């Protein structure tokens, strides 16, 4: 199986929540990931490290 079939909205949401982001930010970024294949650059609530998830 390739990544596009195994990495859907739930996977992206859990991954982003695991990075200490708020539920609203996680839901928004997971939706972007499913639609575009890229979350875009964003910061989490704990550090100012830039995060981006791509297919």
PDB file of N, CA and C in Angstrom:
ATOM      1  N   UNK A   1       0.824  -1.189   0.000  1.00  0.00           N
ATOM      2  CA  UNK A   1       0.000   0.000   0.000  1.00  0.00           C
ATOM      3  C   UNK A   1       0.868   1.252   0.000  1.00  0.00           C
ATOM      4  N   UNK A   2       0.451   2.232  -0.767  1.00  0.00           N
ATOM      5  CA  UNK A   2       1.216   3.471  -0.781  1.00  0.00           C
ATOM      6  C   UNK A   2       0.708   4.433   0.301  1.00  0.00           C
ATOM      7  N   UNK A   3       1.425   5.515   0.499  1.00  0.00           N
ATOM      8  CA  UNK A   3       1.119   6.445   1.586  1.00  0.00           C
ATOM      9  C   UNK A   3      -0.227   7.128   1.405  1.00  0.00           C
ATOM     10  N   UNK A   4      -0.662   7.357   0.182  1.00  0.00           N
ATOM     11  CA  UNK A   4      -1.920   8.068  -0.032  1.00  0.00           C
ATOM     12  C   UNK A   4      -3.123   7.259   0.452  1.00  0.00           C
ATOM     13  N   UNK A   5      -3.013   5.925   0.487  1.00  0.00           N
ATOM     14  CA  UNK A   5      -4.121   5.105   0.966  1.00  0.00           C
ATOM     15  C   UNK A   5      -4.079   4.910   2.479  1.00  0.00           C
ATOM     16  N   UNK A   6      -2.916   4.947   3.068  1.00  0.00           N
ATOM     17  CA  UNK A   6      -2.812   4.698   4.502  1.00  0.00           C
ATOM     18  C   UNK A   6      -2.785   5.980   5.326  1.00  0.00           C
ATOM     19  N   UNK A   7      -2.402   7.088   4.719  1.00  0.00           N
ATOM     20  CA  UNK A   7      -2.298   8.349   5.447  1.00  0.00           C
ATOM     21  C   UNK A   7      -3.437   9.276   5.061  1.00  0.00           C
ATOM     22  N   UNK A   8      -4.552   9.148   5.761  1.00  0.00           N
ATOM     23  CA  UNK A   8      -5.712   9.972   5.494  1.00  0.00           C
ATOM     24  C   UNK A   8      -5.879  11.059   6.538  1.00  0.00           C
ATOM     25  N   UNK A   9      -7.108  11.546   6.665  1.00  0.00           N
ATOM     26  CA  UNK A   9      -7.410  12.654   7.559  1.00  0.00           C
ATOM     27  C   UNK A   9      -7.132  12.299   9.018  1.00  0.00           C
ATOM     28  N   UNK A  10      -7.548  11.126   9.439  1.00  0.00           N
ATOM     29  CA  UNK A  10      -7.360  10.720  10.842  1.00  0.00           C
ATOM     30  C   UNK A  10      -5.883  10.613  11.166  1.00  0.00           C
ATOM     31  N   UNK A  11      -5.106  10.039  10.265  1.00  0.00           N
ATOM     32  CA  UNK A  11      -3.661   9.927  10.484  1.00  0.00           C
ATOM     33  C   UNK A  11      -3.034  11.315  10.630  1.00  0.00           C
ATOM     34  N   UNK A  12      -3.383  12.227   9.726  1.00  0.00           N
ATOM     35  CA  UNK A  12      -2.819  13.579   9.770  1.00  0.00           C
ATOM     36  C   UNK A  12      -3.261  14.310  11.033  1.00  0.00           C
ATOM     37  N   UNK A  13      -4.522  14.169  11.411  1.00  0.00           N
ATOM     38  CA  UNK A  13      -5.031  14.830  12.622  1.00  0.00           C
ATOM     39  C   UNK A  13      -4.274  14.338  13.856  1.00  0.00           C
ATOM     40  N   UNK A  14      -4.125  13.026  13.984  1.00  0.00           N
ATOM     41  CA  UNK A  14      -3.416  12.466  15.146  1.00  0.00           C
ATOM     42  C   UNK A  14      -1.943  12.867  15.152  1.00  0.00           C
ATOM     43  N   UNK A  15      -1.340  12.903  13.984  1.00  0.00           N
ATOM     44  CA  UNK A  15       0.068  13.299  13.878  1.00  0.00           C
ATOM     45  C   UNK A  15       0.248  14.748  14.339  1.00  0.00           C
ATOM     46  N   UNK A  16      -0.615  15.638  13.902  1.00  0.00           N
ATOM     47  CA  UNK A  16      -0.518  17.051  14.260  1.00  0.00           C
ATOM     48  C   UNK A  16      -0.882  17.264  15.725  1.00  0.00           C
ATOM     49  N   UNK A  17      -1.884  16.557  16.230  1.00  0.00           N
ATOM     50  CA  UNK A  17      -2.230  16.655  17.659  1.00  0.00           C
ATOM     51  C   UNK A  17      -1.073  16.160  18.518  1.00  0.00           C
ATOM     52  N   UNK A  18      -0.362  15.161  18.045  1.00  0.00           N
ATOM     53  CA  UNK A  18       0.800  14.648  18.753  1.00  0.00           C
ATOM     54  C   UNK A  18       1.940  15.654  18.829  1.00  0.00           C
ATOM     55  N   UNK A  19       1.881  16.661  17.984  1.00  0.00           N
ATOM     56  CA  UNK A  19       2.877  17.729  17.992  1.00  0.00           C
ATOM     57  C   UNK A  19       2.441  18.898  18.871  1.00  0.00           C
ATOM     58  N   UNK A  20       1.455  18.666  19.734  1.00  0.00           N
ATOM     59  CA  UNK A  20       0.956  19.643  20.712  1.00  0.00           C
ATOM     60  C   UNK A  20       0.234  20.830  20.082  1.00  0.00           C
ATOM     61  N   UNK A  21      -0.474  20.612  18.977  1.00  0.00           N
ATOM     62  CA  UNK A  21      -1.284  21.662  18.363  1.00  0.00           C
ATOM     63  C   UNK A  21      -2.712  21.562  18.880  1.00  0.00           C
ATOM     64  N   UNK A  22      -3.456  22.654  18.788  1.00  0.00           N
ATOM     65  CA  UNK A  22      -4.836  22.679  19.260  1.00  0.00           C
ATOM     66  C   UNK A  22      -5.715  21.801  18.362  1.00  0.00           C
ATOM     67  N   UNK A  23      -6.866  21.355  18.860  1.00  0.00           N
ATOM     68  CA  UNK A  23      -7.762  20.548  18.026  1.00  0.00           C
ATOM     69  C   UNK A  23      -8.231  21.287  16.767  1.00  0.00           C
ATOM     70  N   UNK A  24      -8.482  22.581  16.874  1.00  0.00           N
ATOM     71  CA  UNK A  24      -8.929  23.347  15.716  1.00  0.00           C
ATOM     72  C   UNK A  24      -7.833  23.432  14.651  1.00  0.00           C
ATOM     73  N   UNK A  25      -6.628  23.736  15.068  1.00  0.00           N
ATOM     74  CA  UNK A  25      -5.506  23.789  14.135  1.00  0.00           C
ATOM     75  C   UNK A  25      -5.263  22.423  13.510  1.00  0.00           C
ATOM     76  N   UNK A  26      -5.339  21.386  14.322  1.00  0.00           N
ATOM     77  CA  UNK A  26      -5.115  20.030  13.819  1.00  0.00           C
ATOM     78  C   UNK A  26      -6.154  19.634  12.778  1.00  0.00           C
ATOM     79  N   UNK A  27      -7.405  19.951  13.029  1.00  0.00           N
ATOM     80  CA  UNK A  27      -8.471  19.621  12.080  1.00  0.00           C
ATOM     81  C   UNK A  27      -8.297  20.389  10.768  1.00  0.00           C
ATOM     82  N   UNK A  28      -7.966  21.668  10.868  1.00  0.00           N
ATOM     83  CA  UNK A  28      -7.762  22.492   9.679  1.00  0.00           C
ATOM     84  C   UNK A  28      -6.587  21.982   8.849  1.00  0.00           C
ATOM     85  N   UNK A  29      -5.468  21.724   9.507  1.00  0.00           N
ATOM     86  CA  UNK A  29      -4.275  21.267   8.796  1.00  0.00           C
ATOM     87  C   UNK A  29      -4.455  19.864   8.231  1.00  0.00           C
ATOM     88  N   UNK A  30      -5.181  18.988   8.935  1.00  0.00           N
ATOM     89  CA  UNK A  30      -5.456  17.646   8.419  1.00  0.00           C
ATOM     90  C   UNK A  30      -6.328  17.721   7.170  1.00  0.00           C
ATOM     91  N   UNK A  31      -7.282  18.638   7.166  1.00  0.00           N
ATOM     92  CA  UNK A  31      -8.126  18.830   5.992  1.00  0.00           C
ATOM     93  C   UNK A  31      -7.299  19.320   4.805  1.00  0.00           C
ATOM     94  N   UNK A  32      -6.400  20.268   5.057  1.00  0.00           N
ATOM     95  CA  UNK A  32      -5.513  20.730   3.991  1.00  0.00           C
ATOM     96  C   UNK A  32      -4.656  19.582   3.458  1.00  0.00           C
ATOM     97  N   UNK A  33      -4.188  18.732   4.356  1.00  0.00           N
ATOM     98  CA  UNK A  33      -3.357  17.597   3.949  1.00  0.00           C
ATOM     99  C   UNK A  33      -4.130  16.667   3.010  1.00  0.00           C
ATOM    100  N   UNK A  34      -5.383  16.402   3.325  1.00  0.00           N
ATOM    101  CA  UNK A  34      -6.181  15.494   2.496  1.00  0.00           C
ATOM    102  C   UNK A  34      -6.485  16.129   1.143  1.00  0.00           C
ATOM    103  N   UNK A  35      -6.808  17.417   1.136  1.00  0.00           N
ATOM    104  CA  UNK A  35      -7.185  18.090  -0.106  1.00  0.00           C
ATOM    105  C   UNK A  35      -5.975  18.344  -1.002  1.00  0.00           C
ATOM    106  N   UNK A  36      -4.917  18.936  -0.431  1.00  0.00           N
ATOM    107  CA  UNK A  36      -3.771  19.377  -1.224  1.00  0.00           C
ATOM    108  C   UNK A  36      -2.561  18.451  -1.167  1.00  0.00           C
ATOM    109  N   UNK A  37      -2.509  17.594  -0.140  1.00  0.00           N
ATOM    110  CA  UNK A  37      -1.327  16.757   0.030  1.00  0.00           C
ATOM    111  C   UNK A  37      -0.215  17.468   0.777  1.00  0.00           C
ATOM    112  N   UNK A  38      -0.526  18.621   1.350  1.00  0.00           N
ATOM    113  CA  UNK A  38       0.463  19.440   2.051  1.00  0.00           C
ATOM    114  C   UNK A  38      -0.273  20.288   3.084  1.00  0.00           C
ATOM    115  N   UNK A  39       0.274  20.339   4.310  1.00  0.00           N
ATOM    116  CA  UNK A  39      -0.370  21.136   5.350  1.00  0.00           C
ATOM    117  C   UNK A  39       0.033  22.591   5.306  1.00  0.00           C
ATOM    118  N   UNK A  40       1.105  22.890   4.610  1.00  0.00           N
ATOM    119  CA  UNK A  40       1.665  24.230   4.670  1.00  0.00           C
ATOM    120  C   UNK A  40       2.477  24.367   5.950  1.00  0.00           C
ATOM    121  N   UNK A  41       3.282  25.382   6.031  1.00  0.00           N
ATOM    122  CA  UNK A  41       4.129  25.578   7.210  1.00  0.00           C
ATOM    123  C   UNK A  41       3.320  26.196   8.349  1.00  0.00           C
ATOM    124  N   UNK A  42       3.507  25.675   9.562  1.00  0.00           N
ATOM    125  CA  UNK A  42       2.833  26.216  10.734  1.00  0.00           C
ATOM    126  C   UNK A  42       3.662  25.929  11.967  1.00  0.00           C
ATOM    127  N   UNK A  43       3.307  26.565  13.075  1.00  0.00           N
ATOM    128  CA  UNK A  43       4.002  26.399  14.349  1.00  0.00           C
ATOM    129  C   UNK A  43       3.071  25.713  15.340  1.00  0.00           C
ATOM    130  N   UNK A  44       3.656  24.975  16.297  1.00  0.00           N
ATOM    131  CA  UNK A  44       2.824  24.362  17.323  1.00  0.00           C
ATOM    132  C   UNK A  44       2.767  25.261  18.556  1.00  0.00           C
ATOM    133  N   UNK A  45       2.032  24.851  19.568  1.00  0.00           N
ATOM    134  CA  UNK A  45       1.819  25.680  20.761  1.00  0.00           C
ATOM    135  C   UNK A  45       2.981  25.640  21.733  1.00  0.00           C
ATOM    136  N   UNK A  46       3.874  24.670  21.620  1.00  0.00           N
ATOM    137  CA  UNK A  46       4.954  24.506  22.581  1.00  0.00           C
ATOM    138  C   UNK A  46       6.229  25.217  22.135  1.00  0.00           C
ATOM    139  N   UNK A  47       6.589  25.054  20.883  1.00  0.00           N
ATOM    140  CA  UNK A  47       7.834  25.646  20.392  1.00  0.00           C
ATOM    141  C   UNK A  47       7.547  26.470  19.138  1.00  0.00           C
ATOM    142  N   UNK A  48       8.539  27.182  18.698  1.00  0.00           N
ATOM    143  CA  UNK A  48       8.399  27.969  17.471  1.00  0.00           C
ATOM    144  C   UNK A  48       9.012  27.251  16.282  1.00  0.00           C
ATOM    145  N   UNK A  49       9.163  25.936  16.394  1.00  0.00           N
ATOM    146  CA  UNK A  49       9.687  25.152  15.299  1.00  0.00           C
ATOM    147  C   UNK A  49       8.669  25.108  14.153  1.00  0.00           C
ATOM    148  N   UNK A  50       9.134  25.299  12.943  1.00  0.00           N
ATOM    149  CA  UNK A  50       8.255  25.268  11.786  1.00  0.00           C
ATOM    150  C   UNK A  50       7.967  23.816  11.411  1.00  0.00           C
ATOM    151  N   UNK A  51       6.703  23.483  11.200  1.00  0.00           N
ATOM    152  CA  UNK A  51       6.273  22.112  10.900  1.00  0.00           C
ATOM    153  C   UNK A  51       5.555  22.112   9.551  1.00  0.00           C
ATOM    154  N   UNK A  52       5.786  21.035   8.795  1.00  0.00           N
ATOM    155  CA  UNK A  52       5.095  20.866   7.521  1.00  0.00           C
ATOM    156  C   UNK A  52       5.002  19.376   7.225  1.00  0.00           C
ATOM    157  N   UNK A  53       3.826  18.902   6.851  1.00  0.00           N
ATOM    158  CA  UNK A  53       3.633  17.495   6.500  1.00  0.00           C
ATOM    159  C   UNK A  53       3.227  17.440   5.035  1.00  0.00           C
ATOM    160  N   UNK A  54       3.963  16.649   4.261  1.00  0.00           N
ATOM    161  CA  UNK A  54       3.687  16.500   2.822  1.00  0.00           C
ATOM    162  C   UNK A  54       3.573  15.035   2.451  1.00  0.00           C
ATOM    163  N   UNK A  55       2.914  14.794   1.345  1.00  0.00           N
ATOM    164  CA  UNK A  55       2.864  13.439   0.791  1.00  0.00           C
ATOM    165  C   UNK A  55       4.073  13.189  -0.023  1.00  0.00           C
TER     166      UNK A  55
END
